Amino acid sequence: MILLCSAAALTAALISEYGFGLQPCQLCLYQRVPYYLAAAVAIIALRAGAKWDRALLGLCALLFIGNSGLALFHAGVEQHWWAGPASCSSGGAGAAQTIEELMAQLNKPVKLPSCDQIAWSLFGISMAGYNVLVSLGLALYAGVAATRSKERTI
């Protein structure tokens, strides 16, 4: 279940990025990491045997708790409740006025979108807000499954 949910979350993120052109900010990219790690842990658990289920499910629960905290932080940055990282604040370079300015802008590394701008929302909840809910749900699932480690739930 954790492997399927992690794959679904990552697929949704990649479809929104490549299918709908919603470029992820720095915090969005960080929020993908726990899904990749949980998927890897789930694959290891499927190969490791039942004796490791409790520990690996506990690790997944911790990954998703951490991700829900990161997503909550990101949602707060989007709502301007607190400041985000300096490397992820709004403000652009502006339009080039000369050829030299244009060349300088083209030679700079690509800058990710600002973390404090909501790229997409549904019912007033941004993708970071939905990630809080999904991550908390997966943390709850993994935590409960870890306490019932006799059954194969990962």
C-alpha atoms as a PDB file:
ATOM      1  CA  MET A   1       0.000   0.000   0.000  1.00  0.00           C
ATOM      2  CA  ILE A   2       2.800   2.424   0.858  1.00  0.00           C
ATOM      3  CA  LEU A   3       4.558   1.669  -2.405  1.00  0.00           C
ATOM      4  CA  LEU A   4       1.363   2.262  -4.401  1.00  0.00           C
ATOM      5  CA  CYS A   5       0.490   5.487  -2.574  1.00  0.00           C
ATOM      6  CA  SER A   6       4.034   6.832  -2.907  1.00  0.00           C
ATOM      7  CA  ALA A   7       4.056   6.015  -6.612  1.00  0.00           C
ATOM      8  CA  ALA A   8       0.651   7.671  -7.041  1.00  0.00           C
ATOM      9  CA  ALA A   9       1.779  10.845  -5.240  1.00  0.00           C
ATOM     10  CA  LEU A  10       4.958  11.067  -7.295  1.00  0.00           C
ATOM     11  CA  THR A  11       3.039  10.387 -10.506  1.00  0.00           C
ATOM     12  CA  ALA A  12       0.579  13.173  -9.676  1.00  0.00           C
ATOM     13  CA  ALA A  13       3.464  15.569  -9.013  1.00  0.00           C
ATOM     14  CA  LEU A  14       5.191  14.677 -12.260  1.00  0.00           C
ATOM     15  CA  ILE A  15       1.957  14.933 -14.282  1.00  0.00           C
ATOM     16  CA  SER A  16       1.271  18.372 -12.815  1.00  0.00           C
ATOM     17  CA  GLU A  17       4.819  19.410 -13.701  1.00  0.00           C
ATOM     18  CA  TYR A  18       5.219  17.918 -17.173  1.00  0.00           C
ATOM     19  CA  GLY A  19       1.590  17.567 -18.225  1.00  0.00           C
ATOM     20  CA  PHE A  20       0.232  20.874 -16.959  1.00  0.00           C
ATOM     21  CA  GLY A  21       3.390  22.983 -16.778  1.00  0.00           C
ATOM     22  CA  LEU A  22       3.235  23.664 -13.030  1.00  0.00           C
ATOM     23  CA  GLN A  23       6.901  24.146 -12.205  1.00  0.00           C
ATOM     24  CA  PRO A  24       7.775  23.014  -8.659  1.00  0.00           C
ATOM     25  CA  CYS A  25       9.499  25.321  -6.235  1.00  0.00           C
ATOM     26  CA  GLN A  26      12.362  24.268  -3.988  1.00  0.00           C
ATOM     27  CA  LEU A  27      10.042  23.172  -1.154  1.00  0.00           C
ATOM     28  CA  CYS A  28       7.892  21.198  -3.604  1.00  0.00           C
ATOM     29  CA  LEU A  29      10.949  19.268  -4.718  1.00  0.00           C
ATOM     30  CA  TYR A  30      11.939  18.589  -1.103  1.00  0.00           C
ATOM     31  CA  GLN A  31       8.460  17.185  -0.422  1.00  0.00           C
ATOM     32  CA  ARG A  32       8.967  14.531  -3.094  1.00  0.00           C
ATOM     33  CA  VAL A  33      12.002  13.035  -1.362  1.00  0.00           C
ATOM     34  CA  PRO A  34      10.101  11.215   1.426  1.00  0.00           C
ATOM     35  CA  TYR A  35       7.882   9.567  -1.194  1.00  0.00           C
ATOM     36  CA  TYR A  36      10.935   8.292  -3.071  1.00  0.00           C
ATOM     37  CA  LEU A  37      12.470   7.063   0.191  1.00  0.00           C
ATOM     38  CA  ALA A  38       9.244   5.418   1.379  1.00  0.00           C
ATOM     39  CA  ALA A  39       8.872   3.663  -1.973  1.00  0.00           C
ATOM     40  CA  ALA A  40      12.427   2.367  -1.658  1.00  0.00           C
ATOM     41  CA  VAL A  41      11.780   1.224   1.920  1.00  0.00           C
ATOM     42  CA  ALA A  42       8.585  -0.523   0.789  1.00  0.00           C
ATOM     43  CA  ILE A  43      10.478  -2.353  -1.948  1.00  0.00           C
ATOM     44  CA  ILE A  44      13.111  -3.404   0.589  1.00  0.00           C
ATOM     45  CA  ALA A  45      10.357  -4.565   2.952  1.00  0.00           C
ATOM     46  CA  LEU A  46       8.779  -6.675   0.250  1.00  0.00           C
ATOM     47  CA  ARG A  47      12.130  -8.409  -0.258  1.00  0.00           C
ATOM     48  CA  ALA A  48      13.279  -8.516   3.384  1.00  0.00           C
ATOM     49  CA  GLY A  49      10.605 -10.684   4.936  1.00  0.00           C
ATOM     50  CA  ALA A  50       8.052 -10.260   7.687  1.00  0.00           C
ATOM     51  CA  LYS A  51      10.556  -9.934  10.532  1.00  0.00           C
ATOM     52  CA  TRP A  52      11.520  -6.447   9.286  1.00  0.00           C
ATOM     53  CA  ASP A  53       7.982  -5.153   8.686  1.00  0.00           C
ATOM     54  CA  ARG A  54       7.614  -3.379  12.029  1.00  0.00           C
ATOM     55  CA  ALA A  55      10.881  -1.459  11.740  1.00  0.00           C
ATOM     56  CA  LEU A  56      10.403  -0.570   8.080  1.00  0.00           C
ATOM     57  CA  LEU A  57       6.800   0.504   8.590  1.00  0.00           C
ATOM     58  CA  GLY A  58       7.957   2.639  11.518  1.00  0.00           C
ATOM     59  CA  LEU A  59      10.563   4.222   9.262  1.00  0.00           C
ATOM     60  CA  CYS A  60       7.876   4.977   6.665  1.00  0.00           C
ATOM     61  CA  ALA A  61       5.695   6.522   9.379  1.00  0.00           C
ATOM     62  CA  LEU A  62       8.588   8.790  10.397  1.00  0.00           C
ATOM     63  CA  LEU A  63       9.228   9.771   6.776  1.00  0.00           C
ATOM     64  CA  PHE A  64       5.595  10.749   6.297  1.00  0.00           C
ATOM     65  CA  ILE A  65       5.398  12.619   9.618  1.00  0.00           C
ATOM     66  CA  GLY A  66       8.451  14.615   8.569  1.00  0.00           C
ATOM     67  CA  ASN A  67       6.948  15.241   5.149  1.00  0.00           C
ATOM     68  CA  SER A  68       3.689  16.449   6.641  1.00  0.00           C
ATOM     69  CA  GLY A  69       5.685  18.935   8.732  1.00  0.00           C
ATOM     70  CA  LEU A  70       7.556  20.129   5.663  1.00  0.00           C
ATOM     71  CA  ALA A  71       4.317  20.408   3.680  1.00  0.00           C
ATOM     72  CA  LEU A  72       2.694  22.342   6.551  1.00  0.00           C
ATOM     73  CA  PHE A  73       5.668  24.704   6.584  1.00  0.00           C
ATOM     74  CA  HIS A  74       5.315  25.160   2.815  1.00  0.00           C
ATOM     75  CA  ALA A  75       1.568  25.809   3.109  1.00  0.00           C
ATOM     76  CA  GLY A  76       2.334  28.441   5.745  1.00  0.00           C
ATOM     77  CA  VAL A  77       4.865  30.090   3.439  1.00  0.00           C
ATOM     78  CA  GLU A  78       2.253  30.131   0.655  1.00  0.00           C
ATOM     79  CA  GLN A  79      -0.273  31.757   2.990  1.00  0.00           C
ATOM     80  CA  HIS A  80       2.383  34.265   4.167  1.00  0.00           C
ATOM     81  CA  TRP A  81       2.029  33.102   7.785  1.00  0.00           C
ATOM     82  CA  TRP A  82       5.824  32.968   7.993  1.00  0.00           C
ATOM     83  CA  ALA A  83       8.798  33.528   5.727  1.00  0.00           C
ATOM     84  CA  GLY A  84      10.233  30.778   3.613  1.00  0.00           C
ATOM     85  CA  PRO A  85      13.874  30.134   2.834  1.00  0.00           C
ATOM     86  CA  ALA A  86      15.713  33.116   1.357  1.00  0.00           C
ATOM     87  CA  SER A  87      16.589  31.003  -1.679  1.00  0.00           C
ATOM     88  CA  CYS A  88      12.901  30.492  -2.375  1.00  0.00           C
ATOM     89  CA  SER A  89      11.366  33.950  -2.067  1.00  0.00           C
ATOM     90  CA  SER A  90       9.494  35.880  -4.708  1.00  0.00           C
ATOM     91  CA  GLY A  91      11.052  38.542  -6.811  1.00  0.00           C
ATOM     92  CA  GLY A  92      12.323  38.237 -10.314  1.00  0.00           C
ATOM     93  CA  ALA A  93      15.135  39.723 -12.307  1.00  0.00           C
ATOM     94  CA  GLY A  94      12.828  41.875 -14.407  1.00  0.00           C
ATOM     95  CA  ALA A  95      12.930  42.456 -18.126  1.00  0.00           C
ATOM     96  CA  ALA A  96      16.312  42.941 -19.749  1.00  0.00           C
ATOM     97  CA  GLN A  97      16.816  46.431 -21.136  1.00  0.00           C
ATOM     98  CA  THR A  98      19.985  45.764 -23.106  1.00  0.00           C
ATOM     99  CA  ILE A  99      21.599  42.860 -24.952  1.00  0.00           C
ATOM    100  CA  GLU A 100      24.199  42.607 -22.170  1.00  0.00           C
ATOM    101  CA  GLU A 101      21.465  42.287 -19.511  1.00  0.00           C
ATOM    102  CA  LEU A 102      19.698  39.643 -21.602  1.00  0.00           C
ATOM    103  CA  MET A 103      22.917  37.669 -22.022  1.00  0.00           C
ATOM    104  CA  ALA A 104      23.599  37.908 -18.285  1.00  0.00           C
ATOM    105  CA  GLN A 105      20.101  36.580 -17.505  1.00  0.00           C
ATOM    106  CA  LEU A 106      20.489  33.735 -19.996  1.00  0.00           C
ATOM    107  CA  ASN A 107      23.819  32.712 -18.470  1.00  0.00           C
ATOM    108  CA  LYS A 108      22.405  32.507 -14.938  1.00  0.00           C
ATOM    109  CA  PRO A 109      21.216  29.138 -13.632  1.00  0.00           C
ATOM    110  CA  VAL A 110      17.494  28.476 -13.972  1.00  0.00           C
ATOM    111  CA  LYS A 111      15.657  29.799 -10.945  1.00  0.00           C
ATOM    112  CA  LEU A 112      12.801  27.771  -9.542  1.00  0.00           C
ATOM    113  CA  PRO A 113       9.435  29.443  -8.931  1.00  0.00           C
ATOM    114  CA  SER A 114       8.885  31.191  -5.636  1.00  0.00           C
ATOM    115  CA  CYS A 115       7.743  29.072  -2.687  1.00  0.00           C
ATOM    116  CA  ASP A 116       5.323  31.742  -1.497  1.00  0.00           C
ATOM    117  CA  GLN A 117       3.187  31.690  -4.639  1.00  0.00           C
ATOM    118  CA  ILE A 118       0.373  29.151  -4.940  1.00  0.00           C
ATOM    119  CA  ALA A 119       0.620  27.554  -8.379  1.00  0.00           C
ATOM    120  CA  TRP A 120      -2.632  25.566  -8.089  1.00  0.00           C
ATOM    121  CA  SER A 121      -5.398  25.105  -5.536  1.00  0.00           C
ATOM    122  CA  LEU A 122      -8.719  23.301  -5.222  1.00  0.00           C
ATOM    123  CA  PHE A 123     -11.331  24.454  -2.714  1.00  0.00           C
ATOM    124  CA  GLY A 124      -8.792  26.948  -1.367  1.00  0.00           C
ATOM    125  CA  ILE A 125      -6.224  24.248  -0.542  1.00  0.00           C
ATOM    126  CA  SER A 126      -2.888  24.237  -2.354  1.00  0.00           C
ATOM    127  CA  MET A 127      -0.913  21.171  -3.386  1.00  0.00           C
ATOM    128  CA  ALA A 128       1.205  21.626  -0.247  1.00  0.00           C
ATOM    129  CA  GLY A 129      -1.983  21.613   1.826  1.00  0.00           C
ATOM    130  CA  TYR A 130      -3.153  18.398   0.211  1.00  0.00           C
ATOM    131  CA  ASN A 131       0.291  16.925   0.793  1.00  0.00           C
ATOM    132  CA  VAL A 132      -0.118  17.612   4.529  1.00  0.00           C
ATOM    133  CA  LEU A 133      -3.301  15.529   4.501  1.00  0.00           C
ATOM    134  CA  VAL A 134      -1.899  12.721   2.346  1.00  0.00           C
ATOM    135  CA  SER A 135       1.318  12.492   4.366  1.00  0.00           C
ATOM    136  CA  LEU A 136      -0.556  12.449   7.669  1.00  0.00           C
ATOM    137  CA  GLY A 137      -2.854   9.727   6.337  1.00  0.00           C
ATOM    138  CA  LEU A 138       0.098   7.633   5.189  1.00  0.00           C
ATOM    139  CA  ALA A 139       1.903   8.203   8.512  1.00  0.00           C
ATOM    140  CA  LEU A 140      -1.199   7.020  10.358  1.00  0.00           C
ATOM    141  CA  TYR A 141      -1.512   3.991   8.086  1.00  0.00           C
ATOM    142  CA  ALA A 142       2.162   3.054   8.478  1.00  0.00           C
ATOM    143  CA  GLY A 143       2.047   3.587  12.239  1.00  0.00           C
ATOM    144  CA  VAL A 144      -1.037   1.421  12.692  1.00  0.00           C
ATOM    145  CA  ALA A 145       0.374  -1.217  10.334  1.00  0.00           C
ATOM    146  CA  ALA A 146       3.613  -1.258  12.331  1.00  0.00           C
ATOM    147  CA  THR A 147       1.689  -2.157  15.476  1.00  0.00           C
ATOM    148  CA  ARG A 148       0.037  -5.022  13.588  1.00  0.00           C
ATOM    149  CA  SER A 149       3.213  -6.364  12.054  1.00  0.00           C
ATOM    150  CA  LYS A 150       2.052 -10.017  11.979  1.00  0.00           C
ATOM    151  CA  GLU A 151       0.071  -9.304   8.820  1.00  0.00           C
ATOM    152  CA  ARG A 152       1.769  -8.379   5.583  1.00  0.00           C
ATOM    153  CA  THR A 153       0.611  -4.760   5.089  1.00  0.00           C
ATOM    154  CA  ILE A 154       3.442  -2.964   3.352  1.00  0.00           C
END
